[in-house]
Amino acid sequence: MELAGKTVLLTGATGGLGRAIAAPLADRGATLVLSSRKAAELDELALALAGEGHRRVVCDLAEEGAAERLAAQAGEADVLVANAGLGANGRFEDFDADEVARLVRVNLEAPMRLARALAPAMRERGSGQLVFISSLAGKAVSGRSALYSATKAGLRAFALGLRQDLVADGIGVSVVCPGFIREAGMFHDSGREPPAGLGTASPEEVGEAVVKAIEHDRAEIDVAPVQQRVGANFAHRFPHLAAGVARGRL
């Protein structure tokens, strides 16, 4: 899909990754509908982007019905980039029921509901692109990440299955899976240091991957140095061995 003249709905727009995604989309001539919980930062971002006509919709996707309200306010979007997400680091039993519900709603349920709301108009037009920002944590699951990784693994599976369902309607579906990202993203925001020797990718690389996914209808793009990509795919296939390595037992 050519981005010039298209309308893109971007969630989580004011975070570090959101800004890095918004810039190359605007540079290619897309008009953005920017969404997050932060009105002032959305206004600042809209003015800073190339082009004209960008607008914002303030929305907390953790609220019941928020995804449908956002889709209605966005109007006929040609592209969805579902980037909004919450991090969660800790033992599963340390999260209360409300925290679990909020994380699942923002990271998994809201992207599903946005896709459900936007897909019918895309089907009528015979074109559209749905892009979901997952994570390599959905493939390589580490300790104290069960809840977060579950939402990201679920989002990846949803995207890949939906791609098969919608291909005949002219709608592309892509999933982008960042690894350890410097200066932005869930791992960076947690304040933890990435494991030694695995390297990091930049927020700008995530933005470039989103553009590539849209322009070339890529099914899945991992955004990480090669050693991370190899390690994540090994852990995905051999979780017991990968867990042993992580614990220093192998």
C-alpha atoms as a PDB file:
ATOM      1  CA  MET A   1       0.000   0.000   0.000  1.00  0.00           C
ATOM      2  CA  GLU A   2       1.210   3.494  -0.839  1.00  0.00           C
ATOM      3  CA  LEU A   3       0.966   5.689   2.254  1.00  0.00           C
ATOM      4  CA  ALA A   4       0.603   9.050   0.508  1.00  0.00           C
ATOM      5  CA  GLY A   5      -2.945  10.315   0.976  1.00  0.00           C
ATOM      6  CA  LYS A   6      -3.921   7.530   3.350  1.00  0.00           C
ATOM      7  CA  THR A   7      -5.349   7.950   6.862  1.00  0.00           C
ATOM      8  CA  VAL A   8      -3.550   6.059   9.627  1.00  0.00           C
ATOM      9  CA  LEU A   9      -4.919   5.518  13.137  1.00  0.00           C
ATOM     10  CA  LEU A  10      -1.992   5.164  15.542  1.00  0.00           C
ATOM     11  CA  THR A  11      -2.557   4.198  19.172  1.00  0.00           C
ATOM     12  CA  GLY A  12      -0.002   4.825  21.901  1.00  0.00           C
ATOM     13  CA  ALA A  13       1.171   7.757  19.819  1.00  0.00           C
ATOM     14  CA  THR A  14       2.876   9.802  22.535  1.00  0.00           C
ATOM     15  CA  GLY A  15       5.220   7.095  23.794  1.00  0.00           C
ATOM     16  CA  GLY A  16       8.750   6.755  22.503  1.00  0.00           C
ATOM     17  CA  LEU A  17       7.838   4.053  20.017  1.00  0.00           C
ATOM     18  CA  GLY A  18       4.658   5.859  19.012  1.00  0.00           C
ATOM     19  CA  ARG A  19       6.567   8.993  18.076  1.00  0.00           C
ATOM     20  CA  ALA A  20       9.144   6.942  16.165  1.00  0.00           C
ATOM     21  CA  ILE A  21       6.328   5.273  14.235  1.00  0.00           C
ATOM     22  CA  ALA A  22       4.404   8.486  13.557  1.00  0.00           C
ATOM     23  CA  ALA A  23       7.292  10.388  11.970  1.00  0.00           C
ATOM     24  CA  PRO A  24       8.034   8.128   8.966  1.00  0.00           C
ATOM     25  CA  LEU A  25       4.325   7.638   8.297  1.00  0.00           C
ATOM     26  CA  ALA A  26       3.829  11.399   8.083  1.00  0.00           C
ATOM     27  CA  ASP A  27       7.007  11.776   6.025  1.00  0.00           C
ATOM     28  CA  ARG A  28       5.483   9.465   3.406  1.00  0.00           C
ATOM     29  CA  GLY A  29       2.383  11.615   3.104  1.00  0.00           C
ATOM     30  CA  ALA A  30      -0.036   9.853   5.428  1.00  0.00           C
ATOM     31  CA  THR A  31      -2.518  11.785   7.541  1.00  0.00           C
ATOM     32  CA  LEU A  32      -2.463  10.560  11.112  1.00  0.00           C
ATOM     33  CA  VAL A  33      -5.160  10.177  13.721  1.00  0.00           C
ATOM     34  CA  LEU A  34      -3.053  10.137  16.881  1.00  0.00           C
ATOM     35  CA  SER A  35      -4.381   8.547  20.036  1.00  0.00           C
ATOM     36  CA  SER A  36      -3.208   8.261  23.635  1.00  0.00           C
ATOM     37  CA  ARG A  37      -4.309   9.436  27.073  1.00  0.00           C
ATOM     38  CA  LYS A  38      -2.227  12.657  26.913  1.00  0.00           C
ATOM     39  CA  ALA A  39      -3.996  15.538  25.181  1.00  0.00           C
ATOM     40  CA  ALA A  40      -1.210  18.129  25.367  1.00  0.00           C
ATOM     41  CA  GLU A  41       1.422  15.721  24.086  1.00  0.00           C
ATOM     42  CA  LEU A  42      -0.849  14.652  21.236  1.00  0.00           C
ATOM     43  CA  ASP A  43      -1.281  18.284  20.190  1.00  0.00           C
ATOM     44  CA  GLU A  44       2.478  18.840  20.314  1.00  0.00           C
ATOM     45  CA  LEU A  45       3.141  15.731  18.239  1.00  0.00           C
ATOM     46  CA  ALA A  46       0.536  16.593  15.616  1.00  0.00           C
ATOM     47  CA  LEU A  47       2.153  20.005  15.071  1.00  0.00           C
ATOM     48  CA  ALA A  48       5.656  18.531  14.879  1.00  0.00           C
ATOM     49  CA  LEU A  49       4.881  16.013  12.140  1.00  0.00           C
ATOM     50  CA  ALA A  50       5.397  16.623   8.444  1.00  0.00           C
ATOM     51  CA  GLY A  51       2.283  17.422   6.446  1.00  0.00           C
ATOM     52  CA  GLU A  52      -1.068  18.804   7.510  1.00  0.00           C
ATOM     53  CA  GLY A  53      -4.401  17.579   8.775  1.00  0.00           C
ATOM     54  CA  HIS A  54      -3.163  15.370  11.590  1.00  0.00           C
ATOM     55  CA  ARG A  55      -5.589  15.202  14.482  1.00  0.00           C
ATOM     56  CA  ARG A  56      -5.825  13.622  17.876  1.00  0.00           C
ATOM     57  CA  VAL A  57      -8.298  11.544  19.830  1.00  0.00           C
ATOM     58  CA  VAL A  58      -7.720  11.311  23.573  1.00  0.00           C
ATOM     59  CA  CYS A  59      -8.539   7.785  24.670  1.00  0.00           C
ATOM     60  CA  ASP A  60      -7.780   5.367  27.504  1.00  0.00           C
ATOM     61  CA  LEU A  61      -8.022   1.927  25.934  1.00  0.00           C
ATOM     62  CA  ALA A  62      -8.317   0.312  29.360  1.00  0.00           C
ATOM     63  CA  GLU A  63     -11.882   1.629  29.631  1.00  0.00           C
ATOM     64  CA  GLU A  64     -14.792  -0.532  28.546  1.00  0.00           C
ATOM     65  CA  GLY A  65     -15.975   0.471  25.061  1.00  0.00           C
ATOM     66  CA  ALA A  66     -12.991   2.772  24.457  1.00  0.00           C
ATOM     67  CA  ALA A  67     -11.793   0.883  21.380  1.00  0.00           C
ATOM     68  CA  GLU A  68     -15.150   1.228  19.657  1.00  0.00           C
ATOM     69  CA  ARG A  69     -15.398   4.926  20.569  1.00  0.00           C
ATOM     70  CA  LEU A  70     -11.911   5.532  19.206  1.00  0.00           C
ATOM     71  CA  ALA A  71     -12.712   3.758  15.942  1.00  0.00           C
ATOM     72  CA  ALA A  72     -15.875   5.836  15.534  1.00  0.00           C
ATOM     73  CA  GLN A  73     -14.035   9.108  16.160  1.00  0.00           C
ATOM     74  CA  ALA A  74     -11.197   8.138  13.838  1.00  0.00           C
ATOM     75  CA  GLY A  75     -13.566   7.630  10.925  1.00  0.00           C
ATOM     76  CA  GLU A  76     -12.583   5.643   7.845  1.00  0.00           C
ATOM     77  CA  ALA A  77      -8.973   4.784   8.521  1.00  0.00           C
ATOM     78  CA  ASP A  78      -7.022   3.088   5.736  1.00  0.00           C
ATOM     79  CA  VAL A  79      -4.461   1.753   8.225  1.00  0.00           C
ATOM     80  CA  LEU A  80      -4.487   0.799  11.896  1.00  0.00           C
ATOM     81  CA  VAL A  81      -1.228   0.693  13.827  1.00  0.00           C
ATOM     82  CA  ALA A  82      -2.109  -0.828  17.207  1.00  0.00           C
ATOM     83  CA  ASN A  83       0.891   0.261  19.244  1.00  0.00           C
ATOM     84  CA  ALA A  84      -0.556   1.088  22.676  1.00  0.00           C
ATOM     85  CA  GLY A  85       0.582  -1.289  25.376  1.00  0.00           C
ATOM     86  CA  LEU A  86       1.325  -1.703  29.055  1.00  0.00           C
ATOM     87  CA  GLY A  87       4.312  -3.418  30.608  1.00  0.00           C
ATOM     88  CA  ALA A  88       4.216  -5.937  33.447  1.00  0.00           C
ATOM     89  CA  ASN A  89       7.253  -7.289  35.252  1.00  0.00           C
ATOM     90  CA  GLY A  90       6.841  -9.499  38.306  1.00  0.00           C
ATOM     91  CA  ARG A  91       5.391 -12.740  39.577  1.00  0.00           C
ATOM     92  CA  PHE A  92       1.902 -13.364  38.284  1.00  0.00           C
ATOM     93  CA  GLU A  93       0.341 -13.727  41.737  1.00  0.00           C
ATOM     94  CA  ASP A  94       1.573 -10.247  42.692  1.00  0.00           C
ATOM     95  CA  PHE A  95      -0.845  -8.620  40.222  1.00  0.00           C
ATOM     96  CA  ASP A  96      -4.378  -8.076  41.429  1.00  0.00           C
ATOM     97  CA  ALA A  97      -7.434  -8.834  39.313  1.00  0.00           C
ATOM     98  CA  ASP A  98      -7.860  -5.233  38.158  1.00  0.00           C
ATOM     99  CA  GLU A  99      -4.240  -5.026  37.010  1.00  0.00           C
ATOM    100  CA  VAL A 100      -4.594  -8.271  35.069  1.00  0.00           C
ATOM    101  CA  ALA A 101      -7.802  -7.075  33.429  1.00  0.00           C
ATOM    102  CA  ARG A 102      -6.274  -3.701  32.492  1.00  0.00           C
ATOM    103  CA  LEU A 103      -3.196  -5.276  30.927  1.00  0.00           C
ATOM    104  CA  VAL A 104      -5.168  -7.823  28.932  1.00  0.00           C
ATOM    105  CA  ARG A 105      -7.612  -5.177  27.738  1.00  0.00           C
ATOM    106  CA  VAL A 106      -4.969  -2.693  26.548  1.00  0.00           C
ATOM    107  CA  ASN A 107      -2.446  -5.154  25.123  1.00  0.00           C
ATOM    108  CA  LEU A 108      -4.763  -7.714  23.555  1.00  0.00           C
ATOM    109  CA  GLU A 109      -8.477  -6.995  23.700  1.00  0.00           C
ATOM    110  CA  ALA A 110      -8.354  -3.376  22.482  1.00  0.00           C
ATOM    111  CA  PRO A 111      -6.359  -4.200  19.311  1.00  0.00           C
ATOM    112  CA  MET A 112      -8.816  -7.004  18.558  1.00  0.00           C
ATOM    113  CA  ARG A 113     -11.797  -4.733  19.036  1.00  0.00           C
ATOM    114  CA  LEU A 114     -10.260  -1.954  16.957  1.00  0.00           C
ATOM    115  CA  ALA A 115      -9.668  -4.413  14.127  1.00  0.00           C
ATOM    116  CA  ARG A 116     -13.242  -5.635  14.412  1.00  0.00           C
ATOM    117  CA  ALA A 117     -14.562  -2.082  14.241  1.00  0.00           C
ATOM    118  CA  LEU A 118     -12.409  -0.940  11.316  1.00  0.00           C
ATOM    119  CA  ALA A 119     -12.343  -4.037   9.116  1.00  0.00           C
ATOM    120  CA  PRO A 120     -15.886  -3.799   7.656  1.00  0.00           C
ATOM    121  CA  ALA A 121     -15.218  -0.426   5.991  1.00  0.00           C
ATOM    122  CA  MET A 122     -11.866  -1.703   4.727  1.00  0.00           C
ATOM    123  CA  ARG A 123     -13.622  -4.737   3.288  1.00  0.00           C
ATOM    124  CA  GLU A 124     -16.103  -2.518   1.450  1.00  0.00           C
ATOM    125  CA  ARG A 125     -13.233  -0.496  -0.041  1.00  0.00           C
ATOM    126  CA  GLY A 126     -11.289  -3.637  -0.873  1.00  0.00           C
ATOM    127  CA  SER A 127      -8.124  -2.357   0.808  1.00  0.00           C
ATOM    128  CA  GLY A 128      -6.597  -1.665   4.196  1.00  0.00           C
ATOM    129  CA  GLN A 129      -3.762  -2.649   6.506  1.00  0.00           C
ATOM    130  CA  LEU A 130      -3.872  -3.695  10.150  1.00  0.00           C
ATOM    131  CA  VAL A 131      -0.521  -3.565  11.955  1.00  0.00           C
ATOM    132  CA  PHE A 132      -0.088  -4.925  15.471  1.00  0.00           C
ATOM    133  CA  ILE A 133       2.963  -4.156  17.617  1.00  0.00           C
ATOM    134  CA  SER A 134       3.768  -7.340  19.515  1.00  0.00           C
ATOM    135  CA  SER A 135       7.165  -8.244  21.020  1.00  0.00           C
ATOM    136  CA  LEU A 136       9.866 -10.886  20.888  1.00  0.00           C
ATOM    137  CA  ALA A 137       8.763 -11.507  24.483  1.00  0.00           C
ATOM    138  CA  GLY A 138       5.803 -13.294  22.915  1.00  0.00           C
ATOM    139  CA  LYS A 139       8.234 -15.866  21.508  1.00  0.00           C
ATOM    140  CA  ALA A 140      11.001 -15.976  24.112  1.00  0.00           C
ATOM    141  CA  VAL A 141       9.316 -16.011  27.505  1.00  0.00           C
ATOM    142  CA  SER A 142      11.436 -15.246  30.557  1.00  0.00           C
ATOM    143  CA  GLY A 143      10.734 -15.386  34.276  1.00  0.00           C
ATOM    144  CA  ARG A 144       8.584 -12.632  35.772  1.00  0.00           C
ATOM    145  CA  SER A 145       7.094 -11.870  32.354  1.00  0.00           C
ATOM    146  CA  ALA A 146       4.286 -14.438  32.168  1.00  0.00           C
ATOM    147  CA  LEU A 147       1.459 -11.917  32.002  1.00  0.00           C
ATOM    148  CA  TYR A 148       3.098  -9.491  29.557  1.00  0.00           C
ATOM    149  CA  SER A 149       4.406 -12.280  27.327  1.00  0.00           C
ATOM    150  CA  ALA A 150       0.995 -13.944  27.250  1.00  0.00           C
ATOM    151  CA  THR A 151      -0.632 -10.797  25.871  1.00  0.00           C
ATOM    152  CA  LYS A 152       2.084 -10.349  23.241  1.00  0.00           C
ATOM    153  CA  ALA A 153       2.011 -13.994  22.189  1.00  0.00           C
ATOM    154  CA  GLY A 154      -1.756 -13.771  21.913  1.00  0.00           C
ATOM    155  CA  LEU A 155      -1.544 -10.607  19.826  1.00  0.00           C
ATOM    156  CA  ARG A 156       0.938 -12.244  17.446  1.00  0.00           C
ATOM    157  CA  ALA A 157      -1.296 -15.312  17.039  1.00  0.00           C
ATOM    158  CA  PHE A 158      -4.351 -13.123  16.487  1.00  0.00           C
ATOM    159  CA  ALA A 159      -2.593 -11.100  13.785  1.00  0.00           C
ATOM    160  CA  LEU A 160      -1.298 -14.117  11.896  1.00  0.00           C
ATOM    161  CA  GLY A 161      -4.678 -15.843  12.004  1.00  0.00           C
ATOM    162  CA  LEU A 162      -6.544 -12.684  11.016  1.00  0.00           C
ATOM    163  CA  ARG A 163      -4.201 -12.250   8.065  1.00  0.00           C
ATOM    164  CA  GLN A 164      -5.441 -15.529   6.632  1.00  0.00           C
ATOM    165  CA  ASP A 165      -9.065 -14.589   7.254  1.00  0.00           C
ATOM    166  CA  LEU A 166      -8.854 -11.198   5.518  1.00  0.00           C
ATOM    167  CA  VAL A 167      -6.511 -11.795   2.592  1.00  0.00           C
ATOM    168  CA  ALA A 168      -9.384 -12.496   0.192  1.00  0.00           C
ATOM    169  CA  ASP A 169     -10.941  -9.144   1.137  1.00  0.00           C
ATOM    170  CA  GLY A 170      -7.866  -7.151   0.099  1.00  0.00           C
ATOM    171  CA  ILE A 171      -6.921  -6.346   3.705  1.00  0.00           C
ATOM    172  CA  GLY A 172      -3.342  -6.914   4.815  1.00  0.00           C
ATOM    173  CA  VAL A 173      -2.428  -7.805   8.379  1.00  0.00           C
ATOM    174  CA  SER A 174       1.069  -7.495   9.821  1.00  0.00           C
ATOM    175  CA  VAL A 175       2.731  -8.056  13.178  1.00  0.00           C
ATOM    176  CA  VAL A 176       5.908  -6.233  14.224  1.00  0.00           C
ATOM    177  CA  CYS A 177       7.903  -7.769  17.079  1.00  0.00           C
ATOM    178  CA  PRO A 178      10.520  -5.504  18.682  1.00  0.00           C
ATOM    179  CA  GLY A 179      13.176  -6.969  20.940  1.00  0.00           C
ATOM    180  CA  PHE A 180      15.198  -4.865  23.382  1.00  0.00           C
ATOM    181  CA  ILE A 181      14.776  -1.246  22.257  1.00  0.00           C
ATOM    182  CA  ARG A 182      17.031   1.501  23.546  1.00  0.00           C
ATOM    183  CA  GLU A 183      15.548   4.845  24.585  1.00  0.00           C
ATOM    184  CA  ALA A 184      11.927   3.668  24.284  1.00  0.00           C
ATOM    185  CA  GLY A 185       9.595   0.718  24.674  1.00  0.00           C
ATOM    186  CA  MET A 186       8.423  -1.437  27.541  1.00  0.00           C
ATOM    187  CA  PHE A 187      11.814  -2.868  28.513  1.00  0.00           C
ATOM    188  CA  HIS A 188      13.476   0.539  28.472  1.00  0.00           C
ATOM    189  CA  ASP A 189      10.610   2.114  30.431  1.00  0.00           C
ATOM    190  CA  SER A 190      10.976  -0.526  33.154  1.00  0.00           C
ATOM    191  CA  GLY A 191      14.476   0.758  33.932  1.00  0.00           C
ATOM    192  CA  ARG A 192      16.083  -2.651  33.504  1.00  0.00           C
ATOM    193  CA  GLU A 193      19.285  -3.191  31.575  1.00  0.00           C
ATOM    194  CA  PRO A 194      19.136  -5.597  28.611  1.00  0.00           C
ATOM    195  CA  PRO A 195      21.113  -8.824  28.949  1.00  0.00           C
ATOM    196  CA  ALA A 196      24.756  -8.421  28.008  1.00  0.00           C
ATOM    197  CA  GLY A 197      25.793  -9.369  24.510  1.00  0.00           C
ATOM    198  CA  LEU A 198      22.368  -9.264  22.896  1.00  0.00           C
ATOM    199  CA  GLY A 199      22.413  -5.689  21.636  1.00  0.00           C
ATOM    200  CA  THR A 200      19.511  -3.334  21.109  1.00  0.00           C
ATOM    201  CA  ALA A 201      17.570  -1.784  18.252  1.00  0.00           C
ATOM    202  CA  SER A 202      16.460   1.835  17.979  1.00  0.00           C
ATOM    203  CA  PRO A 203      12.917   3.237  18.073  1.00  0.00           C
ATOM    204  CA  GLU A 204      13.508   4.479  14.526  1.00  0.00           C
ATOM    205  CA  GLU A 205      14.056   0.895  13.373  1.00  0.00           C
ATOM    206  CA  VAL A 206      10.626   0.018  14.720  1.00  0.00           C
ATOM    207  CA  GLY A 207       9.147   2.924  12.762  1.00  0.00           C
ATOM    208  CA  GLU A 208      10.890   1.751   9.608  1.00  0.00           C
ATOM    209  CA  ALA A 209       9.574  -1.776  10.159  1.00  0.00           C
ATOM    210  CA  VAL A 210       6.000  -0.491  10.452  1.00  0.00           C
ATOM    211  CA  VAL A 211       6.363   1.401   7.178  1.00  0.00           C
ATOM    212  CA  LYS A 212       7.807  -1.697   5.487  1.00  0.00           C
ATOM    213  CA  ALA A 213       4.964  -3.828   6.822  1.00  0.00           C
ATOM    214  CA  ILE A 214       2.387  -1.455   5.346  1.00  0.00           C
ATOM    215  CA  GLU A 215       4.070  -0.769   2.025  1.00  0.00           C
ATOM    216  CA  HIS A 216       4.964  -4.408   1.332  1.00  0.00           C
ATOM    217  CA  ASP A 217       2.221  -6.226   3.277  1.00  0.00           C
ATOM    218  CA  ARG A 218       4.747  -8.144   5.333  1.00  0.00           C
ATOM    219  CA  ALA A 219       3.251 -10.803   7.584  1.00  0.00           C
ATOM    220  CA  GLU A 220       5.806 -10.484  10.384  1.00  0.00           C
ATOM    221  CA  ILE A 221       8.915  -8.420  11.060  1.00  0.00           C
ATOM    222  CA  ASP A 222      11.242  -8.896  14.034  1.00  0.00           C
ATOM    223  CA  VAL A 223      13.111  -5.730  15.035  1.00  0.00           C
ATOM    224  CA  ALA A 224      16.287  -6.747  16.849  1.00  0.00           C
ATOM    225  CA  PRO A 225      19.952  -7.565  16.221  1.00  0.00           C
ATOM    226  CA  VAL A 226      20.527 -10.974  14.666  1.00  0.00           C
ATOM    227  CA  GLN A 227      21.607 -12.609  17.933  1.00  0.00           C
ATOM    228  CA  GLN A 228      18.317 -11.632  19.544  1.00  0.00           C
ATOM    229  CA  ARG A 229      16.268 -12.880  16.620  1.00  0.00           C
ATOM    230  CA  VAL A 230      18.088 -16.203  16.594  1.00  0.00           C
ATOM    231  CA  GLY A 231      17.759 -16.553  20.376  1.00  0.00           C
ATOM    232  CA  ALA A 232      14.051 -15.690  20.370  1.00  0.00           C
ATOM    233  CA  ASN A 233      13.234 -18.172  17.651  1.00  0.00           C
ATOM    234  CA  PHE A 234      15.302 -20.852  19.421  1.00  0.00           C
ATOM    235  CA  ALA A 235      13.401 -20.172  22.660  1.00  0.00           C
ATOM    236  CA  HIS A 236      10.116 -20.307  20.762  1.00  0.00           C
ATOM    237  CA  ARG A 237      10.914 -23.801  19.473  1.00  0.00           C
ATOM    238  CA  PHE A 238      12.807 -25.151  22.492  1.00  0.00           C
ATOM    239  CA  PRO A 239      11.466 -23.379  25.589  1.00  0.00           C
ATOM    240  CA  HIS A 240      12.830 -25.939  28.069  1.00  0.00           C
ATOM    241  CA  LEU A 241      16.388 -25.631  26.753  1.00  0.00           C
ATOM    242  CA  ALA A 242      16.149 -21.847  26.603  1.00  0.00           C
ATOM    243  CA  ALA A 243      14.918 -21.683  30.204  1.00  0.00           C
ATOM    244  CA  GLY A 244      17.833 -23.847  31.299  1.00  0.00           C
ATOM    245  CA  VAL A 245      20.296 -21.562  29.576  1.00  0.00           C
ATOM    246  CA  ALA A 246      18.684 -18.533  31.208  1.00  0.00           C
ATOM    247  CA  ARG A 247      19.036 -20.141  34.646  1.00  0.00           C
ATOM    248  CA  GLY A 248      22.667 -21.034  33.982  1.00  0.00           C
ATOM    249  CA  ARG A 249      22.007 -24.752  34.206  1.00  0.00           C
ATOM    250  CA  LEU A 250      23.125 -25.650  30.671  1.00  0.00           C
END
